[in-house]
C-alpha atoms as a PDB file:
ATOM      1  CA  MET A   1       0.000   0.000   0.000  1.00  0.00           C
ATOM      2  CA  CYS A   2       2.827   2.387   0.864  1.00  0.00           C
ATOM      3  CA  SER A   3       4.594   1.585  -2.403  1.00  0.00           C
ATOM      4  CA  ARG A   4       1.445   2.464  -4.344  1.00  0.00           C
ATOM      5  CA  ASN A   5       1.177   5.851  -2.601  1.00  0.00           C
ATOM      6  CA  ILE A   6       4.800   6.605  -3.428  1.00  0.00           C
ATOM      7  CA  LYS A   7       4.207   5.737  -7.089  1.00  0.00           C
ATOM      8  CA  ILE A   8       1.138   7.966  -7.225  1.00  0.00           C
ATOM      9  CA  SER A   9       3.064  10.801  -5.558  1.00  0.00           C
ATOM     10  CA  VAL A  10       5.939  10.489  -8.018  1.00  0.00           C
ATOM     11  CA  VAL A  11       3.563  10.482 -10.998  1.00  0.00           C
ATOM     12  CA  LEU A  12       1.721  13.544  -9.681  1.00  0.00           C
ATOM     13  CA  PHE A  13       5.019  15.275  -9.050  1.00  0.00           C
ATOM     14  CA  LEU A  14       6.208  14.570 -12.597  1.00  0.00           C
ATOM     15  CA  VAL A  15       2.919  15.793 -14.051  1.00  0.00           C
ATOM     16  CA  LEU A  16       2.702  18.959 -11.950  1.00  0.00           C
ATOM     17  CA  ILE A  17       6.292  20.175 -12.455  1.00  0.00           C
ATOM     18  CA  PRO A  18       5.806  21.078 -16.147  1.00  0.00           C
ATOM     19  CA  ILE A  19       2.526  22.786 -15.299  1.00  0.00           C
ATOM     20  CA  PHE A  20       4.138  24.984 -12.641  1.00  0.00           C
ATOM     21  CA  THR A  21       7.103  25.843 -14.848  1.00  0.00           C
ATOM     22  CA  ALA A  22       4.733  26.854 -17.657  1.00  0.00           C
ATOM     23  CA  LEU A  23       2.962  29.398 -15.449  1.00  0.00           C
ATOM     24  CA  PRO A  24       3.831  33.058 -16.100  1.00  0.00           C
ATOM     25  CA  HIS A  25       6.961  34.241 -14.368  1.00  0.00           C
ATOM     26  CA  ASN A  26       7.108  37.124 -11.950  1.00  0.00           C
ATOM     27  CA  HIS A  27       5.942  40.212 -13.851  1.00  0.00           C
ATOM     28  CA  ASN A  28       8.375  42.486 -12.017  1.00  0.00           C
ATOM     29  CA  LEU A  29      11.324  40.340 -13.010  1.00  0.00           C
ATOM     30  CA  SER A  30      10.100  40.373 -16.594  1.00  0.00           C
ATOM     31  CA  LYS A  31       9.930  44.171 -16.646  1.00  0.00           C
ATOM     32  CA  ARG A  32      13.353  44.450 -15.056  1.00  0.00           C
ATOM     33  CA  SER A  33      14.907  42.191 -17.687  1.00  0.00           C
ATOM     34  CA  ASN A  34      13.128  44.284 -20.345  1.00  0.00           C
ATOM     35  CA  PHE A  35      14.888  47.315 -18.817  1.00  0.00           C
ATOM     36  CA  PHE A  36      18.251  45.688 -19.484  1.00  0.00           C
ATOM     37  CA  ASP A  37      17.183  44.331 -22.890  1.00  0.00           C
ATOM     38  CA  LEU A  38      16.506  47.913 -23.975  1.00  0.00           C
ATOM     39  CA  GLU A  39      20.007  48.809 -22.766  1.00  0.00           C
ATOM     40  CA  CYS A  40      18.680  51.394 -20.332  1.00  0.00           C
ATOM     41  CA  LYS A  41      21.601  52.845 -18.424  1.00  0.00           C
ATOM     42  CA  GLY A  42      19.730  54.771 -15.758  1.00  0.00           C
ATOM     43  CA  ILE A  43      17.955  53.706 -12.612  1.00  0.00           C
ATOM     44  CA  PHE A  44      15.300  51.003 -12.730  1.00  0.00           C
ATOM     45  CA  ASN A  45      12.188  52.507 -11.214  1.00  0.00           C
ATOM     46  CA  LYS A  46       9.279  50.124 -11.646  1.00  0.00           C
ATOM     47  CA  THR A  47       6.605  52.842 -11.704  1.00  0.00           C
ATOM     48  CA  MET A  48       8.441  55.071 -14.171  1.00  0.00           C
ATOM     49  CA  PHE A  49       9.456  52.214 -16.441  1.00  0.00           C
ATOM     50  CA  PHE A  50       5.925  50.792 -16.441  1.00  0.00           C
ATOM     51  CA  ARG A  51       4.459  54.183 -17.426  1.00  0.00           C
ATOM     52  CA  LEU A  52       6.895  54.603 -20.329  1.00  0.00           C
ATOM     53  CA  ASP A  53       6.298  51.020 -21.410  1.00  0.00           C
ATOM     54  CA  ARG A  54       2.540  51.629 -21.239  1.00  0.00           C
ATOM     55  CA  ILE A  55       2.829  54.422 -23.827  1.00  0.00           C
ATOM     56  CA  CYS A  56       4.371  51.954 -26.270  1.00  0.00           C
ATOM     57  CA  GLU A  57       1.799  49.290 -25.418  1.00  0.00           C
ATOM     58  CA  ASP A  58      -1.071  51.744 -26.023  1.00  0.00           C
ATOM     59  CA  CYS A  59       0.496  52.893 -29.285  1.00  0.00           C
ATOM     60  CA  TYR A  60       0.788  49.269 -30.376  1.00  0.00           C
ATOM     61  CA  GLN A  61      -2.865  48.637 -29.445  1.00  0.00           C
ATOM     62  CA  LEU A  62      -3.873  51.615 -31.567  1.00  0.00           C
ATOM     63  CA  PHE A  63      -1.994  50.610 -34.730  1.00  0.00           C
ATOM     64  CA  ARG A  64      -1.397  46.865 -34.218  1.00  0.00           C
ATOM     65  CA  GLU A  65       2.000  47.190 -35.860  1.00  0.00           C
ATOM     66  CA  THR A  66       4.840  45.315 -34.167  1.00  0.00           C
ATOM     67  CA  SER A  67       7.502  47.566 -35.681  1.00  0.00           C
ATOM     68  CA  ILE A  68       5.924  50.591 -33.969  1.00  0.00           C
ATOM     69  CA  HIS A  69       6.047  48.753 -30.656  1.00  0.00           C
ATOM     70  CA  ARG A  70       9.737  47.968 -31.113  1.00  0.00           C
ATOM     71  CA  LEU A  71      10.670  51.426 -32.434  1.00  0.00           C
ATOM     72  CA  CYS A  72       8.794  53.163 -29.616  1.00  0.00           C
ATOM     73  CA  LYS A  73      11.026  51.432 -27.058  1.00  0.00           C
ATOM     74  CA  LYS A  74      14.201  51.973 -29.094  1.00  0.00           C
ATOM     75  CA  ASP A  75      17.121  53.581 -27.235  1.00  0.00           C
ATOM     76  CA  CYS A  76      15.303  53.121 -23.928  1.00  0.00           C
ATOM     77  CA  PHE A  77      12.312  55.262 -25.025  1.00  0.00           C
ATOM     78  CA  ASP A  78      14.583  58.005 -26.401  1.00  0.00           C
ATOM     79  CA  SER A  79      13.518  57.893 -30.028  1.00  0.00           C
ATOM     80  CA  LYS A  80      11.362  60.040 -32.246  1.00  0.00           C
ATOM     81  CA  TRP A  81       8.905  57.139 -32.353  1.00  0.00           C
ATOM     82  CA  PHE A  82       8.210  57.396 -28.635  1.00  0.00           C
ATOM     83  CA  GLY A  83       7.541  61.124 -29.090  1.00  0.00           C
ATOM     84  CA  GLU A  84       5.198  60.377 -31.976  1.00  0.00           C
ATOM     85  CA  CYS A  85       3.307  57.823 -29.882  1.00  0.00           C
ATOM     86  CA  VAL A  86       2.944  60.422 -27.118  1.00  0.00           C
ATOM     87  CA  LYS A  87       1.459  62.853 -29.653  1.00  0.00           C
ATOM     88  CA  VAL A  88      -0.877  60.304 -31.250  1.00  0.00           C
ATOM     89  CA  LEU A  89      -2.179  59.264 -27.838  1.00  0.00           C
ATOM     90  CA  LEU A  90      -3.031  62.930 -27.133  1.00  0.00           C
ATOM     91  CA  THR A  91      -1.045  62.942 -23.918  1.00  0.00           C
ATOM     92  CA  PRO A  92      -1.683  66.079 -21.788  1.00  0.00           C
ATOM     93  CA  SER A  93       1.246  68.500 -21.464  1.00  0.00           C
ATOM     94  CA  GLU A  94       1.620  67.965 -17.694  1.00  0.00           C
ATOM     95  CA  GLU A  95       1.945  64.234 -18.326  1.00  0.00           C
ATOM     96  CA  ILE A  96       4.561  64.916 -21.025  1.00  0.00           C
ATOM     97  CA  THR A  97       6.661  66.736 -18.425  1.00  0.00           C
ATOM     98  CA  ASN A  98       6.465  63.653 -16.188  1.00  0.00           C
ATOM     99  CA  LEU A  99       7.377  61.342 -19.077  1.00  0.00           C
ATOM    100  CA  GLN A 100      10.419  63.462 -19.913  1.00  0.00           C
ATOM    101  CA  HIS A 101      11.581  63.174 -16.299  1.00  0.00           C
ATOM    102  CA  PHE A 102      10.935  59.417 -16.325  1.00  0.00           C
ATOM    103  CA  ILE A 103      13.030  58.994 -19.476  1.00  0.00           C
ATOM    104  CA  LYS A 104      15.892  60.931 -17.889  1.00  0.00           C
ATOM    105  CA  VAL A 105      15.806  58.637 -14.856  1.00  0.00           C
ATOM    106  CA  VAL A 106      15.561  55.271 -16.632  1.00  0.00           C
ATOM    107  CA  ASN A 107      17.718  56.252 -19.599  1.00  0.00           C
ATOM    108  CA  GLY A 108      20.401  57.945 -17.541  1.00  0.00           C
ATOM    109  CA  SER A 109      20.906  60.760 -20.028  1.00  0.00           C
ATOM    110  CA  PRO A 110      19.170  63.900 -21.294  1.00  0.00           C
ATOM    111  CA  ILE A 111      16.359  63.436 -23.789  1.00  0.00           C
ATOM    112  CA  SER A 112      17.436  63.919 -27.389  1.00  0.00           C
ATOM    113  CA  PHE A 113      14.033  64.525 -28.980  1.00  0.00           C
ATOM    114  CA  ASN A 114      11.121  66.923 -28.545  1.00  0.00           C
ATOM    115  CA  MET A 115       7.844  65.638 -27.093  1.00  0.00           C
ATOM    116  CA  ALA A 116       5.859  68.835 -27.492  1.00  0.00           C
ATOM    117  CA  PRO A 117       2.102  68.254 -27.497  1.00  0.00           C
ATOM    118  CA  VAL A 118       0.123  68.763 -30.681  1.00  0.00           C
ATOM    119  CA  THR A 119      -1.611  72.164 -30.686  1.00  0.00           C
END
């Protein structure tokens, strides 16, 4: 009887391991690795990085073009494409000021493009 329970336990263990490993990984760790994948040289701030990333996600949702998603994140959000996404999403000017600060923090350098709102 004990041998049967051990066999059942081993089978369950072998079945459940792949299921647990297939579950989504920690979202925070994923975002942090994305920070390094984009070659960001500043400080990883989860809130700031998530907000910048959200601009690119929203822009992608609007156009459904994967190249826009990739170009928006180019150079750690310091590309003309990010600025264009900010404009297209009709981001308020006070939010643009925050985004510029966020880019400085996560990118580690001054912003090289203009994110002026559309008038």
